[in-house]
């Protein structure tokens, strides 16, 4: 009986691993990490601080291993997994139109001589990739309106990311003429959602006839909110009444054109 007890104690001893009394941290190492996501363009935060403004990107992160007290009768594999989890760095991924994502930057833990202690080696990954899930509220938009390209419902036109949205890459034909010609053309943005798209003052284009291929560089504009934005075109000419036409932006995008003809009326003397 005693021999059996001694044998059992020996087995338990083999299945346990000694760790430092801790917890304590190994010396931090500045690790260069490549941050990626699918789709790209995500913001990445660590401890509430922005470390990458748009994926793919590179961040230098101070990494250190955590050595903590052992759990009673803990196997070496269990100790390694626990040490990996306690040492992990929490990253938060955000991308408009998608669910917020989380990734753990987890090291490979290599014990020395089968023991988790201050000599344990921590090897950190060089790349972290996050796969986003579509926000169901945004997916509903695509289900209701299949004409919106995937990924573009809430992709805003922005001066900080110029040329990255499909709206900015969409070239429309602008054409305006009048009878008589030589009338001045002004345009402005009228928005029913000023919190997203601002109203603007009149901007001079040129005189009629006017023809140009250009995009809508309206800050804050998306495919989804373009229905709530109108372009106002005003024609003025000395001796004639001013004339105004308004064009829905979404309709203009679908038609790839914004155009009109103005039959000017003389002012009564």
Protein backbone atom coordinates (compact mmCIF):
# COMPACT_ATOMS: atom_id res chain seq x y z
CA UNK A 1 0.00 0.00 0.00
CA UNK A 2 2.79 2.39 0.93
CA UNK A 3 4.61 1.61 -2.33
CA UNK A 4 1.46 2.46 -4.29
CA UNK A 5 1.10 5.78 -2.48
CA UNK A 6 4.77 6.61 -3.13
CA UNK A 7 4.32 5.76 -6.82
CA UNK A 8 1.26 8.00 -7.09
CA UNK A 9 3.12 10.91 -5.47
CA UNK A 10 5.95 10.44 -7.93
CA UNK A 11 3.50 10.62 -10.87
CA UNK A 12 1.92 13.80 -9.47
CA UNK A 13 5.38 15.32 -9.13
CA UNK A 14 6.11 14.59 -12.78
CA UNK A 15 2.81 16.22 -13.85
CA UNK A 16 3.47 19.47 -12.01
CA UNK A 17 5.84 22.28 -12.82
CA UNK A 18 7.49 24.81 -10.59
CA UNK A 19 7.03 28.49 -11.36
CA UNK A 20 8.30 31.64 -9.75
CA UNK A 21 6.43 33.07 -6.79
CA UNK A 22 5.47 36.07 -8.95
CA UNK A 23 3.65 37.45 -10.64
CA UNK A 24 6.38 39.47 -12.31
CA UNK A 25 7.09 40.67 -15.82
CA UNK A 26 10.02 39.95 -18.05
CA UNK A 27 11.88 42.89 -19.51
CA UNK A 28 9.72 44.55 -22.22
CA UNK A 29 10.83 44.11 -25.81
CA UNK A 30 9.81 46.54 -28.57
CA UNK A 31 8.24 44.19 -31.09
CA UNK A 32 7.37 45.38 -34.62
CA UNK A 33 3.96 43.93 -35.51
CA UNK A 34 2.25 44.01 -38.91
CA UNK A 35 -1.47 44.60 -38.40
CA UNK A 36 -3.80 43.38 -41.14
CA UNK A 37 -7.54 42.92 -41.61
CA UNK A 38 -10.04 41.66 -44.16
CA UNK A 39 -11.36 44.00 -45.44
CA UNK A 40 -8.55 46.50 -45.01
CA UNK A 41 -8.80 50.06 -43.69
CA UNK A 42 -9.45 49.22 -40.03
CA UNK A 43 -8.41 51.18 -36.96
CA UNK A 44 -6.53 49.20 -34.31
CA UNK A 45 -6.40 50.09 -30.61
CA UNK A 46 -4.36 48.79 -27.69
CA UNK A 47 -5.40 49.77 -24.17
CA UNK A 48 -7.69 52.41 -25.69
CA UNK A 49 -4.84 54.01 -27.66
CA UNK A 50 -4.83 54.13 -31.45
CA UNK A 51 -1.79 52.23 -32.73
CA UNK A 52 -2.80 51.88 -36.40
CA UNK A 53 -5.02 54.35 -38.25
CA UNK A 54 -5.65 52.10 -41.25
CA UNK A 55 -4.74 48.49 -41.89
CA UNK A 56 -2.49 47.16 -43.24
CA UNK A 57 -0.03 48.97 -41.01
CA UNK A 58 2.92 48.50 -38.71
CA UNK A 59 3.06 49.21 -34.97
CA UNK A 60 5.88 48.95 -32.46
CA UNK A 61 4.50 47.36 -29.29
CA UNK A 62 6.37 46.90 -25.99
CA UNK A 63 5.88 43.19 -25.20
CA UNK A 64 6.74 41.45 -21.94
CA UNK A 65 5.96 38.03 -20.51
CA UNK A 66 3.99 37.50 -17.30
CA UNK A 67 5.24 34.88 -14.82
CA UNK A 68 2.69 34.13 -12.10
CA UNK A 69 2.26 31.63 -9.31
CA UNK A 70 1.53 28.02 -10.28
CA UNK A 71 -1.86 26.44 -9.89
CA UNK A 72 -1.88 23.43 -7.59
CA UNK A 73 -1.01 20.20 -9.46
CA UNK A 74 -0.71 22.11 -12.73
CA UNK A 75 0.88 20.26 -15.65
CA UNK A 76 3.58 21.87 -17.71
CA UNK A 77 1.27 22.18 -20.74
CA UNK A 78 -1.39 23.86 -18.60
CA UNK A 79 1.23 26.23 -17.17
CA UNK A 80 2.40 27.14 -20.67
CA UNK A 81 -1.17 27.86 -21.84
CA UNK A 82 -1.91 29.94 -18.73
CA UNK A 83 1.32 31.91 -19.14
CA UNK A 84 0.47 32.56 -22.80
CA UNK A 85 -2.99 33.86 -21.87
CA UNK A 86 -1.71 36.06 -19.02
CA UNK A 87 0.97 37.52 -21.30
CA UNK A 88 -1.36 38.18 -24.23
CA UNK A 89 -1.94 41.73 -25.47
CA UNK A 90 -5.53 42.69 -26.27
CA UNK A 91 -6.09 44.44 -29.62
CA UNK A 92 -9.39 45.99 -30.76
CA UNK A 93 -10.21 46.32 -34.47
CA UNK A 94 -12.82 48.80 -35.74
CA UNK A 95 -14.14 49.35 -39.26
CA UNK A 96 -17.26 51.27 -40.25
CA UNK A 97 -20.07 48.93 -41.25
CA UNK A 98 -18.59 45.91 -39.46
CA UNK A 99 -18.77 44.41 -35.99
CA UNK A 100 -15.99 45.49 -33.63
CA UNK A 101 -13.33 42.77 -33.55
CA UNK A 102 -10.79 41.60 -31.01
CA UNK A 103 -7.50 39.76 -31.37
CA UNK A 104 -5.03 38.49 -28.79
CA UNK A 105 -1.36 39.02 -29.51
CA UNK A 106 -0.17 35.79 -27.91
CA UNK A 107 3.49 34.75 -27.48
CA UNK A 108 5.03 31.33 -27.84
CA UNK A 109 6.21 30.31 -24.36
CA UNK A 110 9.32 28.13 -24.14
CA UNK A 111 10.19 26.92 -20.62
CA UNK A 112 13.80 26.23 -19.69
CA UNK A 113 14.48 22.70 -18.41
CA UNK A 114 10.75 22.07 -18.07
CA UNK A 115 10.15 24.95 -15.67
CA UNK A 116 8.24 28.23 -16.03
CA UNK A 117 10.48 30.82 -14.37
CA UNK A 118 12.41 34.00 -15.08
CA UNK A 119 14.46 32.17 -17.71
CA UNK A 120 11.37 31.30 -19.75
CA UNK A 121 11.63 32.53 -23.34
CA UNK A 122 8.78 34.50 -24.95
CA UNK A 123 8.57 34.71 -28.75
CA UNK A 124 6.05 37.17 -30.14
CA UNK A 125 4.30 36.94 -33.53
CA UNK A 126 5.21 39.42 -36.23
CA UNK A 127 1.76 39.58 -37.90
CA UNK A 128 -1.84 39.75 -36.62
CA UNK A 129 -4.78 39.36 -39.04
CA UNK A 130 -8.43 40.01 -38.19
CA UNK A 131 -11.42 38.83 -40.26
CA UNK A 132 -14.36 41.22 -39.84
CA UNK A 133 -18.00 40.19 -39.62
CA UNK A 134 -20.61 42.35 -41.30
CA UNK A 135 -22.75 44.45 -38.95
CA UNK A 136 -26.28 43.00 -39.37
CA UNK A 137 -27.75 46.51 -39.33
CA UNK A 138 -25.60 47.45 -42.32
CA UNK A 139 -26.28 44.14 -44.08
CA UNK A 140 -29.99 44.99 -43.90
CA UNK A 141 -29.26 48.06 -46.03
CA UNK A 142 -27.80 45.89 -48.79
CA UNK A 143 -30.69 43.45 -48.55
CA UNK A 144 -33.18 46.29 -48.99
CA UNK A 145 -31.23 48.00 -51.77
CA UNK A 146 -29.14 45.60 -53.91
CA UNK A 147 -27.96 48.49 -56.09
CA UNK A 148 -25.50 49.54 -53.37
CA UNK A 149 -22.10 47.94 -53.85
CA UNK A 150 -20.95 45.73 -50.98
CA UNK A 151 -18.76 47.68 -48.58
CA UNK A 152 -19.91 51.08 -49.82
CA UNK A 153 -23.14 51.77 -47.91
CA UNK A 154 -21.34 53.66 -45.16
CA UNK A 155 -17.99 54.31 -46.83
CA UNK A 156 -17.76 58.08 -46.46
CA UNK A 157 -16.04 60.54 -48.72
CA UNK A 158 -13.26 62.03 -46.62
CA UNK A 159 -10.37 64.41 -47.22
CA UNK A 160 -8.30 62.24 -44.87
CA UNK A 161 -8.74 59.17 -47.11
CA UNK A 162 -9.14 60.78 -50.49
CA UNK A 163 -9.94 58.46 -53.37
CA UNK A 164 -10.66 55.36 -51.24
CA UNK A 165 -14.43 55.25 -51.62
CA UNK A 166 -16.30 54.13 -54.73
CA UNK A 167 -18.13 57.47 -54.73
CA UNK A 168 -14.90 59.38 -55.17
CA UNK A 169 -13.86 57.09 -58.00
CA UNK A 170 -17.24 57.51 -59.73
CA UNK A 171 -16.94 60.01 -62.58
CA UNK A 172 -20.13 61.74 -63.70
CA UNK A 173 -20.90 63.86 -66.72
CA UNK A 174 -21.86 67.43 -65.81
CA UNK A 175 -23.57 69.28 -68.64
CA UNK A 176 -25.57 72.52 -68.55
CA UNK A 177 -26.65 74.82 -71.34
CA UNK A 178 -28.99 77.77 -71.71
CA UNK A 179 -30.75 79.91 -74.27
CA UNK A 180 -29.35 82.50 -74.59
CA UNK A 181 -25.89 81.21 -73.69
CA UNK A 182 -23.32 82.97 -71.54
CA UNK A 183 -25.25 82.58 -68.27
CA UNK A 184 -23.29 82.09 -65.09
CA UNK A 185 -23.60 78.72 -63.34
CA UNK A 186 -23.50 78.30 -59.56
CA UNK A 187 -23.93 75.10 -57.52
CA UNK A 188 -24.34 74.21 -53.87
CA UNK A 189 -25.12 71.23 -51.64
CA UNK A 190 -28.48 71.04 -49.86
CA UNK A 191 -28.52 68.35 -47.19
CA UNK A 192 -31.38 67.08 -45.04
CA UNK A 193 -28.80 65.33 -42.83
CA UNK A 194 -26.42 68.17 -41.86
CA UNK A 195 -24.90 66.06 -39.08
CA UNK A 196 -23.42 63.80 -41.79
CA UNK A 197 -23.27 66.00 -44.90
CA UNK A 198 -22.93 69.75 -44.51
CA UNK A 199 -24.84 72.33 -46.51
CA UNK A 200 -22.54 74.53 -48.58
CA UNK A 201 -22.54 78.03 -50.00
CA UNK A 202 -22.85 78.68 -53.71
CA UNK A 203 -19.76 77.93 -55.77
CA UNK A 204 -19.19 79.39 -59.24
CA UNK A 205 -18.53 76.90 -62.06
CA UNK A 206 -18.39 78.87 -65.32
CA UNK A 207 -20.75 80.15 -68.01
CA UNK A 208 -23.01 78.14 -70.26
CA UNK A 209 -22.43 75.94 -72.14
CA UNK A 210 -20.64 73.85 -69.53
CA UNK A 211 -19.54 70.22 -69.91
CA UNK A 212 -17.12 68.36 -67.68
CA UNK A 213 -16.49 64.89 -66.24
CA UNK A 214 -15.96 65.08 -62.50
CA UNK A 215 -16.85 63.27 -59.27
CA UNK A 216 -18.89 64.37 -56.27
CA UNK A 217 -16.31 65.47 -53.70
CA UNK A 218 -18.94 66.01 -51.00
CA UNK A 219 -17.48 65.28 -47.57
CA UNK A 220 -19.46 62.77 -45.52
CA UNK A 221 -21.38 61.46 -48.55
CA UNK A 222 -22.16 57.72 -48.72
CA UNK A 223 -24.28 55.59 -51.02
CA UNK A 224 -26.78 55.16 -48.21
CA UNK A 225 -27.22 58.87 -47.33
CA UNK A 226 -26.91 60.17 -50.92
CA UNK A 227 -30.72 60.01 -51.20
CA UNK A 228 -30.91 62.76 -48.60
CA UNK A 229 -28.54 65.10 -50.43
CA UNK A 230 -29.44 67.44 -53.29
CA UNK A 231 -27.33 69.45 -55.71
CA UNK A 232 -28.78 72.88 -56.53
CA UNK A 233 -27.80 74.46 -59.86
CA UNK A 234 -28.53 78.18 -60.34
CA UNK A 235 -28.26 80.05 -63.64
CA UNK A 236 -27.97 83.85 -63.72
CA UNK A 237 -27.67 86.31 -66.60
CA UNK A 238 -28.04 90.06 -66.65
CA UNK A 239 -31.47 91.07 -67.89
CA UNK A 240 -32.94 87.59 -67.29
CA UNK A 241 -34.67 85.90 -64.38
CA UNK A 242 -32.57 83.57 -62.25
CA UNK A 243 -33.42 79.91 -62.68
CA UNK A 244 -32.81 77.00 -60.31
CA UNK A 245 -32.88 73.23 -60.78
CA UNK A 246 -32.29 70.63 -58.07
CA UNK A 247 -30.88 67.14 -58.60
CA UNK A 248 -30.97 64.21 -56.18
CA UNK A 249 -27.41 62.96 -55.70
CA UNK A 250 -28.31 59.26 -55.57
CA UNK A 251 -30.25 59.53 -58.82
CA UNK A 252 -27.36 61.39 -60.45
CA UNK A 253 -24.94 58.65 -59.33
CA UNK A 254 -27.18 55.94 -60.77
CA UNK A 255 -27.52 57.80 -64.07
CA UNK A 256 -23.82 58.77 -64.15
CA UNK A 257 -24.91 62.24 -65.18
CA UNK A 258 -26.17 65.55 -63.87
CA UNK A 259 -27.39 67.80 -66.67
CA UNK A 260 -30.03 70.36 -67.60
CA UNK A 261 -31.11 72.96 -70.13
CA UNK A 262 -32.36 76.40 -69.06
CA UNK A 263 -34.72 78.49 -71.21
CA UNK A 264 -34.02 81.96 -69.82
CA UNK A 265 -36.88 84.45 -69.41
CA UNK A 266 -36.28 88.19 -69.76
CA UNK A 267 -37.05 90.36 -66.79
CA UNK A 268 -40.03 92.62 -67.09
CA UNK A 269 -39.11 96.29 -67.32
